[in-house]
Amino acid sequence: MSRRSGFRKLAWGWVLPIFAVPHAAFSQSEGPAMESMSGFAEAIRLEEQLSEETRQWERQKRILDNEIAVLATELAENRRRIESIQADRSEARERREALLARAAEERTVSDALLHLVEALSTPANSFFELLPRWSENWNEAPELISTETPPVEFLRLLQQIQSENQQTNSRAFEVEDPESGETYRVDLLTFGLGAAYFSSEDGAFGGQIVFDGGDWSPEIIPDYSLQIRNAIDQESGQAEPHHIVLPVSVNPGR
């Protein structure tokens, strides 16, 4: 072997270890760095994932808040409707109770009036039969009074009779002369239902209608015919008012 060849071998023997040592050192430092880079990337990924999940959660929270607000509004409206319905039911119940109470009161009054009509029907018929013929209710009253007569009709008839008994009227009337049996067309002057005077137009025929204990009958009074005629003319406005003396018939048994 030449000296040059031996030197080359010796030089390569030293160079290879020199290059091998830095390469080994570089390989040993590369592992932690790569791990750090990998961990950093993983951290960034996790942070982005958390940010995305946070945004999604906040979006879902806003949606839920809106739904809760809508449900709260509907709940308040339902409560208001329930309170309104309850108030209406209470008012309706009170109105129904008031109507029932009023109906019961009216039924009590109606029963009392019906009992009154039943109690008065017989004597009332006797009373109405004694009404004078000049009464407007003379023909109507007996037909209206019975045990089936509504109390309102009975009271209405009594009011009509009471009103008629407070009036003074003059009107045409027919009177039958008890002696001759002839019927005369006369003018009748009535003071309520207790007194009635009649006279012909010329004052030649006149008198009063008296109650004889069973019926009303005409009584001819020639001496008072002119005075009765004058009283009728005063009532109808055909004569000036002045004092007139008229006969009065009193029946103690009436």
C-alpha atoms as a PDB file:
ATOM      1  CA  MET A   1       0.000   0.000   0.000  1.00  0.00           C
ATOM      2  CA  SER A   2       1.255   3.429  -0.855  1.00  0.00           C
ATOM      3  CA  ARG A   3       1.510   6.196   1.630  1.00  0.00           C
ATOM      4  CA  ARG A   4      -1.119   8.270  -0.296  1.00  0.00           C
ATOM      5  CA  SER A   5      -3.650   5.492  -0.050  1.00  0.00           C
ATOM      6  CA  GLY A   6      -3.109   5.081   3.596  1.00  0.00           C
ATOM      7  CA  PHE A   7      -3.512   8.773   4.192  1.00  0.00           C
ATOM      8  CA  ARG A   8      -6.823   8.809   2.316  1.00  0.00           C
ATOM      9  CA  LYS A   9      -8.146   5.994   4.388  1.00  0.00           C
ATOM     10  CA  LEU A  10      -7.083   7.740   7.539  1.00  0.00           C
ATOM     11  CA  ALA A  11      -8.705  11.029   6.444  1.00  0.00           C
ATOM     12  CA  TRP A  12     -12.026   9.384   5.550  1.00  0.00           C
ATOM     13  CA  GLY A  13     -11.961   7.648   8.890  1.00  0.00           C
ATOM     14  CA  TRP A  14     -11.915  11.003  10.618  1.00  0.00           C
ATOM     15  CA  VAL A  15     -14.349  12.845   8.300  1.00  0.00           C
ATOM     16  CA  LEU A  16     -17.192  10.356   8.569  1.00  0.00           C
ATOM     17  CA  PRO A  17     -17.364  10.542  12.360  1.00  0.00           C
ATOM     18  CA  ILE A  18     -17.300  14.350  12.172  1.00  0.00           C
ATOM     19  CA  PHE A  19     -20.306  14.464   9.840  1.00  0.00           C
ATOM     20  CA  ALA A  20     -22.069  11.737  11.730  1.00  0.00           C
ATOM     21  CA  VAL A  21     -21.974  13.553  15.049  1.00  0.00           C
ATOM     22  CA  PRO A  22     -23.827  16.763  13.892  1.00  0.00           C
ATOM     23  CA  HIS A  23     -26.391  14.669  12.033  1.00  0.00           C
ATOM     24  CA  ALA A  24     -27.134  12.640  15.127  1.00  0.00           C
ATOM     25  CA  ALA A  25     -27.407  15.800  17.219  1.00  0.00           C
ATOM     26  CA  PHE A  26     -29.802  17.366  14.671  1.00  0.00           C
ATOM     27  CA  SER A  27     -31.915  14.247  14.663  1.00  0.00           C
ATOM     28  CA  GLN A  28     -32.089  14.295  18.467  1.00  0.00           C
ATOM     29  CA  SER A  29     -33.308  18.003  18.574  1.00  0.00           C
ATOM     30  CA  GLU A  30     -35.897  17.558  15.783  1.00  0.00           C
ATOM     31  CA  GLY A  31     -38.301  15.406  17.931  1.00  0.00           C
ATOM     32  CA  PRO A  32     -39.290  18.010  20.655  1.00  0.00           C
ATOM     33  CA  ALA A  33     -39.712  20.785  18.086  1.00  0.00           C
ATOM     34  CA  MET A  34     -42.061  18.741  15.978  1.00  0.00           C
ATOM     35  CA  GLU A  35     -44.023  17.792  19.047  1.00  0.00           C
ATOM     36  CA  SER A  36     -44.294  21.498  20.020  1.00  0.00           C
ATOM     37  CA  MET A  37     -45.528  22.436  16.561  1.00  0.00           C
ATOM     38  CA  SER A  38     -48.049  19.620  16.613  1.00  0.00           C
ATOM     39  CA  GLY A  39     -49.351  20.671  20.043  1.00  0.00           C
ATOM     40  CA  PHE A  40     -49.624  24.294  18.954  1.00  0.00           C
ATOM     41  CA  ALA A  41     -51.640  23.294  15.911  1.00  0.00           C
ATOM     42  CA  GLU A  42     -53.865  21.111  18.069  1.00  0.00           C
ATOM     43  CA  ALA A  43     -54.435  24.011  20.459  1.00  0.00           C
ATOM     44  CA  ILE A  44     -55.401  26.302  17.592  1.00  0.00           C
ATOM     45  CA  ARG A  45     -57.789  23.673  16.260  1.00  0.00           C
ATOM     46  CA  LEU A  46     -59.367  23.217  19.685  1.00  0.00           C
ATOM     47  CA  GLU A  47     -59.720  26.998  20.110  1.00  0.00           C
ATOM     48  CA  GLU A  48     -61.415  27.320  16.718  1.00  0.00           C
ATOM     49  CA  GLN A  49     -63.691  24.398  17.582  1.00  0.00           C
ATOM     50  CA  LEU A  50     -64.610  25.999  20.904  1.00  0.00           C
ATOM     51  CA  SER A  51     -65.241  29.340  19.192  1.00  0.00           C
ATOM     52  CA  GLU A  52     -67.538  27.680  16.676  1.00  0.00           C
ATOM     53  CA  GLU A  53     -69.374  25.788  19.397  1.00  0.00           C
ATOM     54  CA  THR A  54     -69.698  29.030  21.383  1.00  0.00           C
ATOM     55  CA  ARG A  55     -71.219  30.822  18.368  1.00  0.00           C
ATOM     56  CA  GLN A  56     -73.613  27.951  17.804  1.00  0.00           C
ATOM     57  CA  TRP A  57     -74.572  27.897  21.468  1.00  0.00           C
ATOM     58  CA  GLU A  58     -75.188  31.663  21.488  1.00  0.00           C
ATOM     59  CA  ARG A  59     -77.322  31.350  18.332  1.00  0.00           C
ATOM     60  CA  GLN A  60     -79.338  28.539  19.908  1.00  0.00           C
ATOM     61  CA  LYS A  61     -79.652  30.610  23.083  1.00  0.00           C
ATOM     62  CA  ARG A  62     -81.078  33.577  21.129  1.00  0.00           C
ATOM     63  CA  ILE A  63     -83.558  31.254  19.425  1.00  0.00           C
ATOM     64  CA  LEU A  64     -84.579  29.766  22.769  1.00  0.00           C
ATOM     65  CA  ASP A  65     -84.896  33.244  24.313  1.00  0.00           C
ATOM     66  CA  ASN A  66     -87.209  34.303  21.474  1.00  0.00           C
ATOM     67  CA  GLU A  67     -89.294  31.154  21.881  1.00  0.00           C
ATOM     68  CA  ILE A  68     -89.466  31.714  25.634  1.00  0.00           C
ATOM     69  CA  ALA A  69     -90.608  35.318  25.068  1.00  0.00           C
ATOM     70  CA  VAL A  70     -93.319  34.141  22.633  1.00  0.00           C
ATOM     71  CA  LEU A  71     -94.466  31.448  25.055  1.00  0.00           C
ATOM     72  CA  ALA A  72     -94.498  33.973  27.907  1.00  0.00           C
ATOM     73  CA  THR A  73     -96.693  36.306  25.825  1.00  0.00           C
ATOM     74  CA  GLU A  74     -99.072  33.471  24.947  1.00  0.00           C
ATOM     75  CA  LEU A  75     -99.153  32.389  28.593  1.00  0.00           C
ATOM     76  CA  ALA A  76    -100.032  35.929  29.710  1.00  0.00           C
ATOM     77  CA  GLU A  77    -102.751  36.132  27.051  1.00  0.00           C
ATOM     78  CA  ASN A  78    -104.170  32.757  28.113  1.00  0.00           C
ATOM     79  CA  ARG A  79    -104.196  33.879  31.736  1.00  0.00           C
ATOM     80  CA  ARG A  80    -105.998  37.079  30.742  1.00  0.00           C
ATOM     81  CA  ARG A  81    -108.587  35.063  28.808  1.00  0.00           C
ATOM     82  CA  ILE A  82    -109.054  32.678  31.729  1.00  0.00           C
ATOM     83  CA  GLU A  83    -109.550  35.613  34.111  1.00  0.00           C
ATOM     84  CA  SER A  84    -112.006  37.192  31.665  1.00  0.00           C
ATOM     85  CA  ILE A  85    -113.924  33.917  31.331  1.00  0.00           C
ATOM     86  CA  GLN A  86    -113.991  33.495  35.105  1.00  0.00           C
ATOM     87  CA  ALA A  87    -115.209  37.069  35.522  1.00  0.00           C
ATOM     88  CA  ASP A  88    -117.896  36.511  32.882  1.00  0.00           C
ATOM     89  CA  ARG A  89    -118.953  33.299  34.571  1.00  0.00           C
ATOM     90  CA  SER A  90    -119.137  35.051  37.933  1.00  0.00           C
ATOM     91  CA  GLU A  91    -121.154  37.885  36.422  1.00  0.00           C
ATOM     92  CA  ALA A  92    -123.419  35.436  34.621  1.00  0.00           C
ATOM     93  CA  ARG A  93    -123.887  33.476  37.850  1.00  0.00           C
ATOM     94  CA  GLU A  94    -124.773  36.635  39.750  1.00  0.00           C
ATOM     95  CA  ARG A  95    -127.159  37.731  36.981  1.00  0.00           C
ATOM     96  CA  ARG A  96    -128.765  34.277  36.955  1.00  0.00           C
ATOM     97  CA  GLU A  97    -129.179  34.337  40.733  1.00  0.00           C
ATOM     98  CA  ALA A  98    -130.686  37.822  40.525  1.00  0.00           C
ATOM     99  CA  LEU A  99    -133.121  36.694  37.811  1.00  0.00           C
ATOM    100  CA  LEU A 100    -134.057  33.619  39.817  1.00  0.00           C
ATOM    101  CA  ALA A 101    -134.647  35.761  42.894  1.00  0.00           C
ATOM    102  CA  ARG A 102    -136.740  38.194  40.856  1.00  0.00           C
ATOM    103  CA  ALA A 103    -138.700  35.331  39.302  1.00  0.00           C
ATOM    104  CA  ALA A 104    -139.339  33.864  42.756  1.00  0.00           C
ATOM    105  CA  GLU A 105    -140.486  37.265  44.006  1.00  0.00           C
ATOM    106  CA  GLU A 106    -142.782  37.774  41.031  1.00  0.00           C
ATOM    107  CA  ARG A 107    -144.129  34.248  41.445  1.00  0.00           C
ATOM    108  CA  THR A 108    -144.901  35.009  45.095  1.00  0.00           C
ATOM    109  CA  VAL A 109    -146.682  38.229  44.155  1.00  0.00           C
ATOM    110  CA  SER A 110    -148.541  36.479  41.354  1.00  0.00           C
ATOM    111  CA  ASP A 111    -149.655  33.688  43.678  1.00  0.00           C
ATOM    112  CA  ALA A 112    -150.834  36.240  46.216  1.00  0.00           C
ATOM    113  CA  LEU A 113    -152.772  38.164  43.579  1.00  0.00           C
ATOM    114  CA  LEU A 114    -154.252  34.959  42.200  1.00  0.00           C
ATOM    115  CA  HIS A 115    -155.385  34.027  45.694  1.00  0.00           C
ATOM    116  CA  LEU A 116    -156.873  37.495  46.008  1.00  0.00           C
ATOM    117  CA  VAL A 117    -158.735  37.088  42.724  1.00  0.00           C
ATOM    118  CA  GLU A 118    -160.054  33.704  43.818  1.00  0.00           C
ATOM    119  CA  ALA A 119    -161.172  35.162  47.129  1.00  0.00           C
ATOM    120  CA  LEU A 120    -162.800  38.168  45.492  1.00  0.00           C
ATOM    121  CA  SER A 121    -164.223  36.591  42.365  1.00  0.00           C
ATOM    122  CA  THR A 122    -167.637  35.771  43.857  1.00  0.00           C
ATOM    123  CA  PRO A 123    -168.189  39.026  45.763  1.00  0.00           C
ATOM    124  CA  ALA A 124    -166.615  40.962  42.891  1.00  0.00           C
ATOM    125  CA  ASN A 125    -169.118  39.519  40.436  1.00  0.00           C
ATOM    126  CA  SER A 126    -171.896  40.555  42.801  1.00  0.00           C
ATOM    127  CA  PHE A 127    -170.368  44.017  42.998  1.00  0.00           C
ATOM    128  CA  PHE A 128    -170.013  44.356  39.232  1.00  0.00           C
ATOM    129  CA  GLU A 129    -173.580  43.215  38.710  1.00  0.00           C
ATOM    130  CA  LEU A 130    -174.662  46.243  40.754  1.00  0.00           C
ATOM    131  CA  LEU A 131    -172.800  48.707  38.551  1.00  0.00           C
ATOM    132  CA  PRO A 132    -175.202  51.229  37.025  1.00  0.00           C
ATOM    133  CA  ARG A 133    -176.036  50.758  33.368  1.00  0.00           C
ATOM    134  CA  TRP A 134    -174.348  54.033  32.449  1.00  0.00           C
ATOM    135  CA  SER A 135    -171.000  52.572  33.543  1.00  0.00           C
ATOM    136  CA  GLU A 136    -168.719  51.698  30.633  1.00  0.00           C
ATOM    137  CA  ASN A 137    -167.772  48.518  32.511  1.00  0.00           C
ATOM    138  CA  TRP A 138    -171.335  47.417  33.161  1.00  0.00           C
ATOM    139  CA  ASN A 139    -171.440  44.857  30.333  1.00  0.00           C
ATOM    140  CA  GLU A 140    -167.731  44.022  30.355  1.00  0.00           C
ATOM    141  CA  ALA A 141    -167.004  43.355  34.021  1.00  0.00           C
ATOM    142  CA  PRO A 142    -169.042  40.163  34.668  1.00  0.00           C
ATOM    143  CA  GLU A 143    -167.427  38.455  31.695  1.00  0.00           C
ATOM    144  CA  LEU A 144    -163.900  39.290  32.831  1.00  0.00           C
ATOM    145  CA  ILE A 145    -164.040  38.176  36.434  1.00  0.00           C
ATOM    146  CA  SER A 146    -163.525  34.490  37.171  1.00  0.00           C
ATOM    147  CA  THR A 147    -161.063  32.267  39.013  1.00  0.00           C
ATOM    148  CA  GLU A 148    -158.999  32.110  35.808  1.00  0.00           C
ATOM    149  CA  THR A 149    -158.819  35.882  35.437  1.00  0.00           C
ATOM    150  CA  PRO A 150    -155.214  37.085  35.420  1.00  0.00           C
ATOM    151  CA  PRO A 151    -154.516  39.374  38.392  1.00  0.00           C
ATOM    152  CA  VAL A 152    -153.364  42.115  36.038  1.00  0.00           C
ATOM    153  CA  GLU A 153    -156.731  42.138  34.249  1.00  0.00           C
ATOM    154  CA  PHE A 154    -158.581  42.212  37.542  1.00  0.00           C
ATOM    155  CA  LEU A 155    -156.538  45.172  38.780  1.00  0.00           C
ATOM    156  CA  ARG A 156    -156.906  46.940  35.432  1.00  0.00           C
ATOM    157  CA  LEU A 157    -160.691  46.654  35.661  1.00  0.00           C
ATOM    158  CA  LEU A 158    -160.718  47.978  39.222  1.00  0.00           C
ATOM    159  CA  GLN A 159    -158.602  50.945  38.137  1.00  0.00           C
ATOM    160  CA  GLN A 160    -160.986  51.687  35.276  1.00  0.00           C
ATOM    161  CA  ILE A 161    -163.969  51.606  37.626  1.00  0.00           C
ATOM    162  CA  GLN A 162    -162.179  53.807  40.147  1.00  0.00           C
ATOM    163  CA  SER A 163    -161.290  56.308  37.433  1.00  0.00           C
ATOM    164  CA  GLU A 164    -164.842  56.269  36.110  1.00  0.00           C
ATOM    165  CA  ASN A 165    -166.193  56.912  39.607  1.00  0.00           C
ATOM    166  CA  GLN A 166    -164.188  60.161  39.776  1.00  0.00           C
ATOM    167  CA  GLN A 167    -165.490  61.678  36.554  1.00  0.00           C
ATOM    168  CA  THR A 168    -168.445  63.862  35.642  1.00  0.00           C
ATOM    169  CA  ASN A 169    -169.789  63.219  32.148  1.00  0.00           C
ATOM    170  CA  SER A 170    -172.767  63.896  29.934  1.00  0.00           C
ATOM    171  CA  ARG A 171    -173.805  61.734  27.006  1.00  0.00           C
ATOM    172  CA  ALA A 172    -176.774  60.339  25.160  1.00  0.00           C
ATOM    173  CA  PHE A 173    -178.797  57.651  26.897  1.00  0.00           C
ATOM    174  CA  GLU A 174    -182.045  55.732  26.586  1.00  0.00           C
ATOM    175  CA  VAL A 175    -184.556  55.759  29.444  1.00  0.00           C
ATOM    176  CA  GLU A 176    -187.775  53.761  29.702  1.00  0.00           C
ATOM    177  CA  ASP A 177    -190.677  55.524  31.363  1.00  0.00           C
ATOM    178  CA  PRO A 178    -191.836  53.207  34.188  1.00  0.00           C
ATOM    179  CA  GLU A 179    -195.476  54.344  33.830  1.00  0.00           C
ATOM    180  CA  SER A 180    -195.930  54.305  30.054  1.00  0.00           C
ATOM    181  CA  GLY A 181    -193.244  51.804  29.151  1.00  0.00           C
ATOM    182  CA  GLU A 182    -192.054  54.076  26.336  1.00  0.00           C
ATOM    183  CA  THR A 183    -188.339  54.554  25.675  1.00  0.00           C
ATOM    184  CA  TYR A 184    -187.005  58.077  25.372  1.00  0.00           C
ATOM    185  CA  ARG A 185    -183.709  59.311  23.965  1.00  0.00           C
ATOM    186  CA  VAL A 186    -182.335  61.694  26.581  1.00  0.00           C
ATOM    187  CA  ASP A 187    -179.115  63.351  27.690  1.00  0.00           C
ATOM    188  CA  LEU A 188    -177.555  61.806  30.797  1.00  0.00           C
ATOM    189  CA  LEU A 189    -175.476  63.694  33.376  1.00  0.00           C
ATOM    190  CA  THR A 190    -173.447  61.395  35.663  1.00  0.00           C
ATOM    191  CA  PHE A 191    -171.461  62.154  38.810  1.00  0.00           C
ATOM    192  CA  GLY A 192    -169.162  59.158  39.088  1.00  0.00           C
ATOM    193  CA  LEU A 193    -171.098  55.945  39.620  1.00  0.00           C
ATOM    194  CA  GLY A 194    -173.359  57.214  42.397  1.00  0.00           C
ATOM    195  CA  ALA A 195    -175.667  59.721  40.782  1.00  0.00           C
ATOM    196  CA  ALA A 196    -177.188  60.190  37.340  1.00  0.00           C
ATOM    197  CA  TYR A 197    -179.724  62.704  35.997  1.00  0.00           C
ATOM    198  CA  PHE A 198    -181.452  62.696  32.627  1.00  0.00           C
ATOM    199  CA  SER A 199    -183.516  65.149  30.632  1.00  0.00           C
ATOM    200  CA  SER A 200    -184.983  65.452  27.188  1.00  0.00           C
ATOM    201  CA  GLU A 201    -183.630  68.157  24.900  1.00  0.00           C
ATOM    202  CA  ASP A 202    -186.535  70.492  25.645  1.00  0.00           C
ATOM    203  CA  GLY A 203    -186.515  69.784  29.400  1.00  0.00           C
ATOM    204  CA  ALA A 204    -190.075  68.432  29.390  1.00  0.00           C
ATOM    205  CA  PHE A 205    -189.054  64.922  30.455  1.00  0.00           C
ATOM    206  CA  GLY A 206    -186.471  64.404  33.155  1.00  0.00           C
ATOM    207  CA  GLY A 207    -185.538  62.751  36.394  1.00  0.00           C
ATOM    208  CA  GLN A 208    -182.812  60.671  38.011  1.00  0.00           C
ATOM    209  CA  ILE A 209    -181.718  57.045  38.109  1.00  0.00           C
ATOM    210  CA  VAL A 210    -181.971  55.573  41.576  1.00  0.00           C
ATOM    211  CA  PHE A 211    -180.934  52.301  43.127  1.00  0.00           C
ATOM    212  CA  ASP A 212    -183.916  50.471  44.602  1.00  0.00           C
ATOM    213  CA  GLY A 213    -181.930  47.775  46.384  1.00  0.00           C
ATOM    214  CA  GLY A 214    -181.759  45.345  43.475  1.00  0.00           C
ATOM    215  CA  ASP A 215    -181.280  47.398  40.326  1.00  0.00           C
ATOM    216  CA  TRP A 216    -180.962  50.898  38.942  1.00  0.00           C
ATOM    217  CA  SER A 217    -184.285  52.340  37.791  1.00  0.00           C
ATOM    218  CA  PRO A 218    -185.297  55.695  36.295  1.00  0.00           C
ATOM    219  CA  GLU A 219    -187.404  57.984  38.488  1.00  0.00           C
ATOM    220  CA  ILE A 220    -189.356  60.645  36.619  1.00  0.00           C
ATOM    221  CA  ILE A 221    -189.255  64.032  38.417  1.00  0.00           C
ATOM    222  CA  PRO A 222    -191.155  66.629  36.344  1.00  0.00           C
ATOM    223  CA  ASP A 223    -190.546  69.410  38.898  1.00  0.00           C
ATOM    224  CA  TYR A 224    -186.749  69.207  38.356  1.00  0.00           C
ATOM    225  CA  SER A 225    -186.669  68.573  34.592  1.00  0.00           C
ATOM    226  CA  LEU A 226    -185.650  72.124  33.709  1.00  0.00           C
ATOM    227  CA  GLN A 227    -182.988  72.324  36.436  1.00  0.00           C
ATOM    228  CA  ILE A 228    -181.555  69.001  35.230  1.00  0.00           C
ATOM    229  CA  ARG A 229    -181.598  70.284  31.649  1.00  0.00           C
ATOM    230  CA  ASN A 230    -179.735  73.408  32.731  1.00  0.00           C
ATOM    231  CA  ALA A 231    -177.140  71.324  34.622  1.00  0.00           C
ATOM    232  CA  ILE A 232    -176.570  69.190  31.515  1.00  0.00           C
ATOM    233  CA  ASP A 233    -176.132  72.332  29.408  1.00  0.00           C
ATOM    234  CA  GLN A 234    -173.605  73.696  31.907  1.00  0.00           C
ATOM    235  CA  GLU A 235    -171.608  70.463  31.795  1.00  0.00           C
ATOM    236  CA  SER A 236    -171.569  70.485  27.979  1.00  0.00           C
ATOM    237  CA  GLY A 237    -170.596  74.190  27.907  1.00  0.00           C
ATOM    238  CA  GLN A 238    -173.895  75.413  26.428  1.00  0.00           C
ATOM    239  CA  ALA A 239    -174.885  77.454  29.495  1.00  0.00           C
ATOM    240  CA  GLU A 240    -173.113  79.728  31.953  1.00  0.00           C
ATOM    241  CA  PRO A 241    -172.259  78.054  35.261  1.00  0.00           C
ATOM    242  CA  HIS A 242    -174.507  78.975  38.175  1.00  0.00           C
ATOM    243  CA  HIS A 243    -175.956  77.351  41.274  1.00  0.00           C
ATOM    244  CA  ILE A 244    -178.562  74.654  40.662  1.00  0.00           C
ATOM    245  CA  VAL A 245    -180.504  72.544  43.145  1.00  0.00           C
ATOM    246  CA  LEU A 246    -180.891  68.903  42.130  1.00  0.00           C
ATOM    247  CA  PRO A 247    -182.737  66.103  43.932  1.00  0.00           C
ATOM    248  CA  VAL A 248    -180.707  63.497  45.736  1.00  0.00           C
ATOM    249  CA  SER A 249    -181.858  59.947  46.390  1.00  0.00           C
ATOM    250  CA  VAL A 250    -180.203  58.078  49.245  1.00  0.00           C
ATOM    251  CA  ASN A 251    -180.688  54.344  49.684  1.00  0.00           C
ATOM    252  CA  PRO A 252    -179.673  53.326  53.214  1.00  0.00           C
ATOM    253  CA  GLY A 253    -179.538  49.683  52.211  1.00  0.00           C
ATOM    254  CA  ARG A 254    -176.959  50.191  49.459  1.00  0.00           C
END
